[in-house]
Amino acid sequence: MKVRKFSIVDASMERSPGQDADIFAGNLVDERHGGPVTIGYGRYGPNQSLSEVMAVNDVMVVLEGELSISTGGDTFTAGPGEIVYMPKGESVTIRSHSEGAVTAYVTYPHWRDPEA
């Protein structure tokens, strides 16, 4: 794989697997491209919530809006320019606020089902 540059318009946004909220992810590099990690963008509509046990190690950079992340009794809010690390196996709830949010992410290993 060669060096590449991406923007959010390059991402084909799809609803996050297993949920019906207004939350979408768009992989730009993943196992289909031979990359060792998955990178992409996420988009959270206003006042959305996603709860899951992390299947992968996930690094999320908030680009726009704010997200509240709850885990193990702790809750914190991340805004533009802040980075959230969510380790594999951690139970998290991610909530967007009234303006929604846009993120960039890197996961290891790949989170997408290779059969999808």
N, C-alpha and C. Protein backbone atom coordinates (compact mmCIF):
# COMPACT_ATOMS: atom_id res chain seq x y z
N MET A 1 0.84 -1.17 0.00
CA MET A 1 0.00 0.00 0.00
C MET A 1 0.89 1.24 0.00
N LYS A 2 0.52 2.25 -0.76
CA LYS A 2 1.31 3.47 -0.87
C LYS A 2 0.77 4.57 0.04
N VAL A 3 1.51 5.64 0.21
CA VAL A 3 1.09 6.79 0.99
C VAL A 3 -0.11 7.43 0.31
N ARG A 4 -1.13 7.74 1.11
CA ARG A 4 -2.35 8.34 0.56
C ARG A 4 -2.86 9.41 1.50
N LYS A 5 -3.65 10.32 0.98
CA LYS A 5 -4.30 11.37 1.76
C LYS A 5 -5.81 11.20 1.58
N PHE A 6 -6.57 11.41 2.67
CA PHE A 6 -8.02 11.25 2.62
C PHE A 6 -8.71 12.44 3.25
N SER A 7 -9.97 12.65 2.86
CA SER A 7 -10.86 13.58 3.55
C SER A 7 -12.19 12.86 3.73
N ILE A 8 -13.07 13.46 4.50
CA ILE A 8 -14.34 12.79 4.80
C ILE A 8 -15.18 12.54 3.56
N VAL A 9 -15.03 13.34 2.52
CA VAL A 9 -15.81 13.11 1.29
C VAL A 9 -15.39 11.83 0.59
N ASP A 10 -14.22 11.29 0.94
CA ASP A 10 -13.76 10.03 0.35
C ASP A 10 -14.42 8.81 0.99
N ALA A 11 -15.03 8.99 2.16
CA ALA A 11 -15.59 7.87 2.91
C ALA A 11 -17.01 7.55 2.48
N SER A 12 -17.29 6.29 2.26
CA SER A 12 -18.64 5.81 1.99
C SER A 12 -19.24 5.41 3.34
N MET A 13 -20.10 6.27 3.87
CA MET A 13 -20.62 6.08 5.22
C MET A 13 -21.71 5.00 5.25
N GLU A 14 -21.57 4.08 6.23
CA GLU A 14 -22.54 3.01 6.43
C GLU A 14 -22.95 2.98 7.89
N ARG A 15 -24.17 2.58 8.15
CA ARG A 15 -24.64 2.47 9.53
C ARG A 15 -23.74 1.50 10.28
N SER A 16 -23.40 1.86 11.51
CA SER A 16 -22.57 0.98 12.32
C SER A 16 -23.26 -0.37 12.50
N PRO A 17 -22.50 -1.46 12.42
CA PRO A 17 -23.09 -2.80 12.48
C PRO A 17 -23.87 -3.03 13.78
N GLY A 18 -25.02 -3.70 13.65
CA GLY A 18 -25.79 -4.13 14.80
C GLY A 18 -26.59 -3.05 15.50
N GLN A 19 -26.77 -1.88 14.89
CA GLN A 19 -27.55 -0.83 15.53
C GLN A 19 -28.34 -0.06 14.49
N ASP A 20 -29.35 0.65 14.97
CA ASP A 20 -30.18 1.41 14.04
C ASP A 20 -30.21 2.90 14.35
N ALA A 21 -29.27 3.36 15.16
CA ALA A 21 -29.17 4.79 15.48
C ALA A 21 -28.60 5.55 14.28
N ASP A 22 -28.62 6.86 14.38
CA ASP A 22 -28.07 7.72 13.34
C ASP A 22 -26.56 7.85 13.57
N ILE A 23 -25.87 6.70 13.45
CA ILE A 23 -24.42 6.63 13.66
C ILE A 23 -23.83 5.85 12.48
N PHE A 24 -22.86 6.47 11.80
CA PHE A 24 -22.32 5.89 10.59
C PHE A 24 -20.79 5.86 10.64
N ALA A 25 -20.22 4.89 9.95
CA ALA A 25 -18.76 4.77 9.84
C ALA A 25 -18.40 4.58 8.38
N GLY A 26 -17.25 5.11 8.00
CA GLY A 26 -16.77 4.96 6.63
C GLY A 26 -15.30 4.61 6.62
N ASN A 27 -14.99 3.34 6.40
CA ASN A 27 -13.59 2.92 6.33
C ASN A 27 -12.94 3.44 5.06
N LEU A 28 -11.72 3.89 5.19
CA LEU A 28 -10.93 4.33 4.03
C LEU A 28 -9.80 3.35 3.74
N VAL A 29 -9.27 2.74 4.79
CA VAL A 29 -8.26 1.69 4.65
C VAL A 29 -8.65 0.59 5.62
N ASP A 30 -8.67 -0.65 5.13
CA ASP A 30 -8.96 -1.79 5.99
C ASP A 30 -8.38 -3.05 5.36
N GLU A 31 -8.84 -4.20 5.83
CA GLU A 31 -8.29 -5.47 5.34
C GLU A 31 -8.47 -5.64 3.84
N ARG A 32 -9.45 -5.00 3.26
CA ARG A 32 -9.67 -5.11 1.81
C ARG A 32 -8.58 -4.41 1.02
N HIS A 33 -7.86 -3.48 1.66
CA HIS A 33 -6.81 -2.71 1.01
C HIS A 33 -5.41 -3.17 1.40
N GLY A 34 -5.33 -4.20 2.25
CA GLY A 34 -4.04 -4.71 2.68
C GLY A 34 -3.42 -3.94 3.84
N GLY A 35 -4.18 -3.03 4.43
CA GLY A 35 -3.65 -2.26 5.55
C GLY A 35 -3.65 -3.08 6.83
N PRO A 36 -2.68 -2.86 7.73
CA PRO A 36 -2.64 -3.60 8.99
C PRO A 36 -3.61 -3.05 10.03
N VAL A 37 -4.14 -1.85 9.80
CA VAL A 37 -5.12 -1.21 10.68
C VAL A 37 -6.28 -0.73 9.83
N THR A 38 -7.38 -0.39 10.50
CA THR A 38 -8.50 0.23 9.81
C THR A 38 -8.49 1.71 10.15
N ILE A 39 -8.65 2.57 9.15
CA ILE A 39 -8.80 4.00 9.40
C ILE A 39 -10.05 4.48 8.68
N GLY A 40 -10.69 5.49 9.26
CA GLY A 40 -11.88 6.01 8.62
C GLY A 40 -12.47 7.17 9.40
N TYR A 41 -13.69 7.52 9.03
CA TYR A 41 -14.43 8.61 9.66
C TYR A 41 -15.72 8.06 10.24
N GLY A 42 -16.18 8.70 11.31
CA GLY A 42 -17.47 8.38 11.91
C GLY A 42 -18.34 9.62 11.95
N ARG A 43 -19.64 9.42 11.88
CA ARG A 43 -20.58 10.53 11.98
C ARG A 43 -21.71 10.14 12.92
N TYR A 44 -21.94 10.96 13.93
CA TYR A 44 -22.98 10.75 14.93
C TYR A 44 -24.02 11.84 14.76
N GLY A 45 -25.27 11.46 14.54
CA GLY A 45 -26.34 12.44 14.50
C GLY A 45 -26.56 13.03 15.88
N PRO A 46 -27.39 14.06 16.00
CA PRO A 46 -27.67 14.67 17.30
C PRO A 46 -28.30 13.68 18.29
N ASN A 47 -27.84 13.73 19.54
CA ASN A 47 -28.43 12.98 20.64
C ASN A 47 -28.55 11.48 20.38
N GLN A 48 -27.47 10.88 19.87
CA GLN A 48 -27.45 9.45 19.59
C GLN A 48 -26.62 8.73 20.66
N SER A 49 -26.84 7.43 20.81
CA SER A 49 -26.13 6.65 21.81
C SER A 49 -25.77 5.28 21.24
N LEU A 50 -24.57 4.83 21.53
CA LEU A 50 -24.09 3.52 21.10
C LEU A 50 -23.39 2.87 22.28
N SER A 51 -23.87 1.68 22.69
CA SER A 51 -23.25 0.93 23.78
C SER A 51 -22.72 -0.37 23.22
N GLU A 52 -21.46 -0.70 23.58
CA GLU A 52 -20.88 -1.95 23.10
C GLU A 52 -19.65 -2.31 23.90
N VAL A 53 -19.28 -3.57 23.81
CA VAL A 53 -18.00 -4.02 24.33
C VAL A 53 -17.04 -3.95 23.15
N MET A 54 -15.94 -3.24 23.32
CA MET A 54 -15.02 -3.02 22.21
C MET A 54 -14.43 -4.34 21.72
N ALA A 55 -14.64 -4.62 20.44
CA ALA A 55 -14.11 -5.83 19.82
C ALA A 55 -12.67 -5.64 19.35
N VAL A 56 -12.23 -4.39 19.28
CA VAL A 56 -10.89 -4.03 18.81
C VAL A 56 -10.35 -2.88 19.66
N ASN A 57 -9.08 -2.59 19.54
CA ASN A 57 -8.51 -1.37 20.12
C ASN A 57 -8.87 -0.23 19.18
N ASP A 58 -9.46 0.84 19.74
CA ASP A 58 -9.98 1.92 18.91
C ASP A 58 -9.43 3.26 19.40
N VAL A 59 -8.87 4.03 18.48
CA VAL A 59 -8.45 5.40 18.76
C VAL A 59 -9.36 6.31 17.94
N MET A 60 -10.05 7.23 18.63
CA MET A 60 -11.01 8.10 17.98
C MET A 60 -10.59 9.55 18.22
N VAL A 61 -10.52 10.33 17.14
CA VAL A 61 -10.21 11.76 17.23
C VAL A 61 -11.50 12.52 16.91
N VAL A 62 -11.94 13.35 17.84
CA VAL A 62 -13.15 14.15 17.61
C VAL A 62 -12.76 15.34 16.73
N LEU A 63 -13.43 15.48 15.60
CA LEU A 63 -13.16 16.57 14.66
C LEU A 63 -14.16 17.70 14.80
N GLU A 64 -15.43 17.35 15.03
CA GLU A 64 -16.51 18.34 15.17
C GLU A 64 -17.47 17.85 16.25
N GLY A 65 -18.08 18.79 16.96
CA GLY A 65 -19.06 18.44 17.97
C GLY A 65 -18.42 17.91 19.24
N GLU A 66 -19.23 17.24 20.06
CA GLU A 66 -18.75 16.64 21.30
C GLU A 66 -19.37 15.27 21.48
N LEU A 67 -18.62 14.39 22.13
CA LEU A 67 -19.10 13.06 22.50
C LEU A 67 -18.84 12.86 23.98
N SER A 68 -19.79 12.21 24.67
CA SER A 68 -19.57 11.77 26.03
C SER A 68 -19.34 10.28 26.00
N ILE A 69 -18.30 9.83 26.66
CA ILE A 69 -17.94 8.42 26.69
C ILE A 69 -18.04 7.96 28.14
N SER A 70 -18.84 6.92 28.37
CA SER A 70 -19.00 6.36 29.71
C SER A 70 -18.43 4.95 29.73
N THR A 71 -17.70 4.64 30.80
CA THR A 71 -17.13 3.31 30.97
C THR A 71 -16.79 3.11 32.44
N GLY A 72 -17.16 1.97 32.98
CA GLY A 72 -16.80 1.63 34.35
C GLY A 72 -17.18 2.67 35.38
N GLY A 73 -18.30 3.34 35.23
CA GLY A 73 -18.73 4.34 36.19
C GLY A 73 -18.17 5.73 35.95
N ASP A 74 -17.25 5.89 35.02
CA ASP A 74 -16.68 7.19 34.69
C ASP A 74 -17.27 7.70 33.38
N THR A 75 -17.48 9.01 33.29
CA THR A 75 -17.94 9.64 32.05
C THR A 75 -17.08 10.87 31.80
N PHE A 76 -16.65 11.03 30.55
CA PHE A 76 -15.93 12.24 30.17
C PHE A 76 -16.42 12.69 28.81
N THR A 77 -16.19 13.96 28.51
CA THR A 77 -16.61 14.54 27.25
C THR A 77 -15.37 14.90 26.44
N ALA A 78 -15.40 14.57 25.14
CA ALA A 78 -14.30 14.89 24.24
C ALA A 78 -14.83 15.80 23.14
N GLY A 79 -14.07 16.84 22.82
CA GLY A 79 -14.44 17.79 21.78
C GLY A 79 -13.38 17.87 20.70
N PRO A 80 -13.52 18.80 19.78
CA PRO A 80 -12.61 18.92 18.64
C PRO A 80 -11.14 18.93 19.05
N GLY A 81 -10.37 18.06 18.41
CA GLY A 81 -8.94 17.97 18.65
C GLY A 81 -8.57 17.01 19.76
N GLU A 82 -9.56 16.46 20.46
CA GLU A 82 -9.26 15.54 21.55
C GLU A 82 -9.33 14.09 21.06
N ILE A 83 -8.52 13.25 21.69
CA ILE A 83 -8.36 11.85 21.30
C ILE A 83 -8.91 10.95 22.40
N VAL A 84 -9.66 9.93 22.01
CA VAL A 84 -10.19 8.95 22.95
C VAL A 84 -9.63 7.59 22.58
N TYR A 85 -9.06 6.89 23.56
CA TYR A 85 -8.59 5.52 23.36
C TYR A 85 -9.53 4.57 24.08
N MET A 86 -10.04 3.57 23.35
CA MET A 86 -10.94 2.58 23.92
C MET A 86 -10.33 1.20 23.66
N PRO A 87 -9.79 0.57 24.72
CA PRO A 87 -9.13 -0.72 24.53
C PRO A 87 -10.10 -1.87 24.29
N LYS A 88 -9.62 -2.86 23.60
CA LYS A 88 -10.38 -4.08 23.33
C LYS A 88 -10.88 -4.65 24.65
N GLY A 89 -12.15 -5.05 24.67
CA GLY A 89 -12.75 -5.66 25.85
C GLY A 89 -13.44 -4.68 26.78
N GLU A 90 -13.22 -3.38 26.61
CA GLU A 90 -13.83 -2.36 27.46
C GLU A 90 -15.29 -2.15 27.06
N SER A 91 -16.17 -2.06 28.05
CA SER A 91 -17.58 -1.76 27.80
C SER A 91 -17.75 -0.25 27.81
N VAL A 92 -18.25 0.31 26.70
CA VAL A 92 -18.38 1.77 26.58
C VAL A 92 -19.77 2.14 26.07
N THR A 93 -20.19 3.34 26.45
CA THR A 93 -21.35 3.98 25.85
C THR A 93 -20.88 5.32 25.32
N ILE A 94 -21.12 5.56 24.04
CA ILE A 94 -20.73 6.80 23.38
C ILE A 94 -22.01 7.56 23.07
N ARG A 95 -22.10 8.81 23.53
CA ARG A 95 -23.29 9.63 23.31
C ARG A 95 -22.89 10.93 22.61
N SER A 96 -23.65 11.27 21.58
CA SER A 96 -23.45 12.57 20.94
C SER A 96 -24.36 13.59 21.62
N HIS A 97 -24.04 14.85 21.45
CA HIS A 97 -24.81 15.94 22.03
C HIS A 97 -25.71 16.53 20.95
N SER A 98 -26.33 17.66 21.23
CA SER A 98 -27.36 18.21 20.33
C SER A 98 -26.85 18.55 18.93
N GLU A 99 -25.56 18.82 18.79
CA GLU A 99 -25.03 19.17 17.46
C GLU A 99 -24.48 17.97 16.69
N GLY A 100 -24.50 16.77 17.30
CA GLY A 100 -23.90 15.61 16.65
C GLY A 100 -22.39 15.70 16.70
N ALA A 101 -21.71 14.81 15.98
CA ALA A 101 -20.24 14.81 16.01
C ALA A 101 -19.69 14.12 14.78
N VAL A 102 -18.47 14.50 14.42
CA VAL A 102 -17.70 13.85 13.36
C VAL A 102 -16.37 13.42 13.98
N THR A 103 -15.95 12.20 13.69
CA THR A 103 -14.70 11.67 14.23
C THR A 103 -13.85 11.06 13.13
N ALA A 104 -12.59 10.87 13.43
CA ALA A 104 -11.70 10.03 12.63
C ALA A 104 -11.27 8.91 13.55
N TYR A 105 -11.04 7.72 13.01
CA TYR A 105 -10.67 6.59 13.87
C TYR A 105 -9.59 5.73 13.24
N VAL A 106 -8.89 5.03 14.14
CA VAL A 106 -7.93 3.99 13.77
C VAL A 106 -8.22 2.82 14.68
N THR A 107 -8.39 1.63 14.11
CA THR A 107 -8.61 0.44 14.94
C THR A 107 -7.56 -0.62 14.61
N TYR A 108 -7.28 -1.43 15.63
CA TYR A 108 -6.43 -2.60 15.45
C TYR A 108 -6.98 -3.69 16.34
N PRO A 109 -7.20 -4.87 15.84
CA PRO A 109 -7.17 -5.18 14.40
C PRO A 109 -8.40 -4.58 13.72
N HIS A 110 -8.70 -5.07 12.54
CA HIS A 110 -9.83 -4.56 11.78
C HIS A 110 -11.14 -4.86 12.50
N TRP A 111 -12.08 -3.90 12.50
CA TRP A 111 -13.36 -4.11 13.18
C TRP A 111 -14.41 -4.67 12.24
N ARG A 112 -14.27 -4.46 10.97
CA ARG A 112 -15.29 -4.85 9.99
C ARG A 112 -15.26 -6.37 9.79
N ASP A 113 -16.43 -6.96 9.66
CA ASP A 113 -16.53 -8.38 9.35
C ASP A 113 -16.01 -8.60 7.93
N PRO A 114 -14.96 -9.41 7.76
CA PRO A 114 -14.39 -9.58 6.41
C PRO A 114 -15.37 -10.18 5.42
N GLU A 115 -16.45 -10.79 5.91
CA GLU A 115 -17.45 -11.38 5.01
C GLU A 115 -18.47 -10.33 4.57
N ALA A 116 -18.46 -9.15 5.20
CA ALA A 116 -19.48 -8.12 4.89
C ALA A 116 -19.17 -7.42 3.58
